[in-house]
Amino acid sequence: MTPEEEEIIRRRQKSRAVMTALLLVAMCILFYLITIVRIGTAG
């Protein structure tokens, strides 16, 4: 495998990791907001 191909693969892996992290953060925020709304309406 050439260095150029390795760089392309490494770049794809990094972008996939960043997207996974952003998705995880978005889900945490969503669950947090849902919890706040449910607690607010219960009281």
C-alpha atoms as a PDB file:
ATOM      1  CA  MET A   1       0.000   0.000   0.000  1.00  0.00           C
ATOM      2  CA  THR A   2       1.385   3.377  -0.964  1.00  0.00           C
ATOM      3  CA  PRO A   3       1.769   6.237   1.526  1.00  0.00           C
ATOM      4  CA  GLU A   4      -0.927   8.151  -0.347  1.00  0.00           C
ATOM      5  CA  GLU A   5      -3.418   5.301   0.132  1.00  0.00           C
ATOM      6  CA  GLU A   6      -2.519   5.022   3.813  1.00  0.00           C
ATOM      7  CA  GLU A   7      -3.116   8.760   4.235  1.00  0.00           C
ATOM      8  CA  ILE A   8      -6.542   8.501   2.580  1.00  0.00           C
ATOM      9  CA  ILE A   9      -7.516   5.588   4.827  1.00  0.00           C
ATOM     10  CA  ARG A  10      -6.258   7.403   7.935  1.00  0.00           C
ATOM     11  CA  ARG A  11      -8.233  10.519   6.968  1.00  0.00           C
ATOM     12  CA  ARG A  12     -11.426   8.463   6.492  1.00  0.00           C
ATOM     13  CA  GLN A  13     -10.943   6.771   9.876  1.00  0.00           C
ATOM     14  CA  LYS A  14     -10.441  10.143  11.567  1.00  0.00           C
ATOM     15  CA  SER A  15     -13.541  11.653   9.968  1.00  0.00           C
ATOM     16  CA  ARG A  16     -15.569   8.592  10.947  1.00  0.00           C
ATOM     17  CA  ALA A  17     -14.339   8.879  14.542  1.00  0.00           C
ATOM     18  CA  VAL A  18     -15.253  12.570  14.651  1.00  0.00           C
ATOM     19  CA  MET A  19     -18.740  11.851  13.283  1.00  0.00           C
ATOM     20  CA  THR A  20     -19.240   9.082  15.862  1.00  0.00           C
ATOM     21  CA  ALA A  21     -18.185  11.427  18.670  1.00  0.00           C
ATOM     22  CA  LEU A  22     -20.539  14.165  17.447  1.00  0.00           C
ATOM     23  CA  LEU A  23     -23.406  11.683  17.215  1.00  0.00           C
ATOM     24  CA  LEU A  24     -22.722  10.497  20.773  1.00  0.00           C
ATOM     25  CA  VAL A  25     -22.666  14.074  22.088  1.00  0.00           C
ATOM     26  CA  ALA A  26     -25.903  14.861  20.216  1.00  0.00           C
ATOM     27  CA  MET A  27     -27.609  11.819  21.743  1.00  0.00           C
ATOM     28  CA  CYS A  28     -26.452  12.807  25.246  1.00  0.00           C
ATOM     29  CA  ILE A  29     -27.865  16.319  24.778  1.00  0.00           C
ATOM     30  CA  LEU A  30     -31.123  14.884  23.438  1.00  0.00           C
ATOM     31  CA  PHE A  31     -31.528  12.528  26.411  1.00  0.00           C
ATOM     32  CA  TYR A  32     -30.687  15.372  28.799  1.00  0.00           C
ATOM     33  CA  LEU A  33     -33.309  17.652  27.242  1.00  0.00           C
ATOM     34  CA  ILE A  34     -35.953  14.918  27.235  1.00  0.00           C
ATOM     35  CA  THR A  35     -35.246  14.248  30.928  1.00  0.00           C
ATOM     36  CA  ILE A  36     -35.530  17.952  31.816  1.00  0.00           C
ATOM     37  CA  VAL A  37     -38.829  18.261  29.946  1.00  0.00           C
ATOM     38  CA  ARG A  38     -40.271  15.140  31.601  1.00  0.00           C
ATOM     39  CA  ILE A  39     -39.256  16.313  35.081  1.00  0.00           C
ATOM     40  CA  GLY A  40     -40.664  19.774  34.364  1.00  0.00           C
ATOM     41  CA  THR A  41     -44.060  18.452  33.251  1.00  0.00           C
ATOM     42  CA  ALA A  42     -44.282  15.931  36.111  1.00  0.00           C
ATOM     43  CA  GLY A  43     -44.082  18.643  38.741  1.00  0.00           C
END
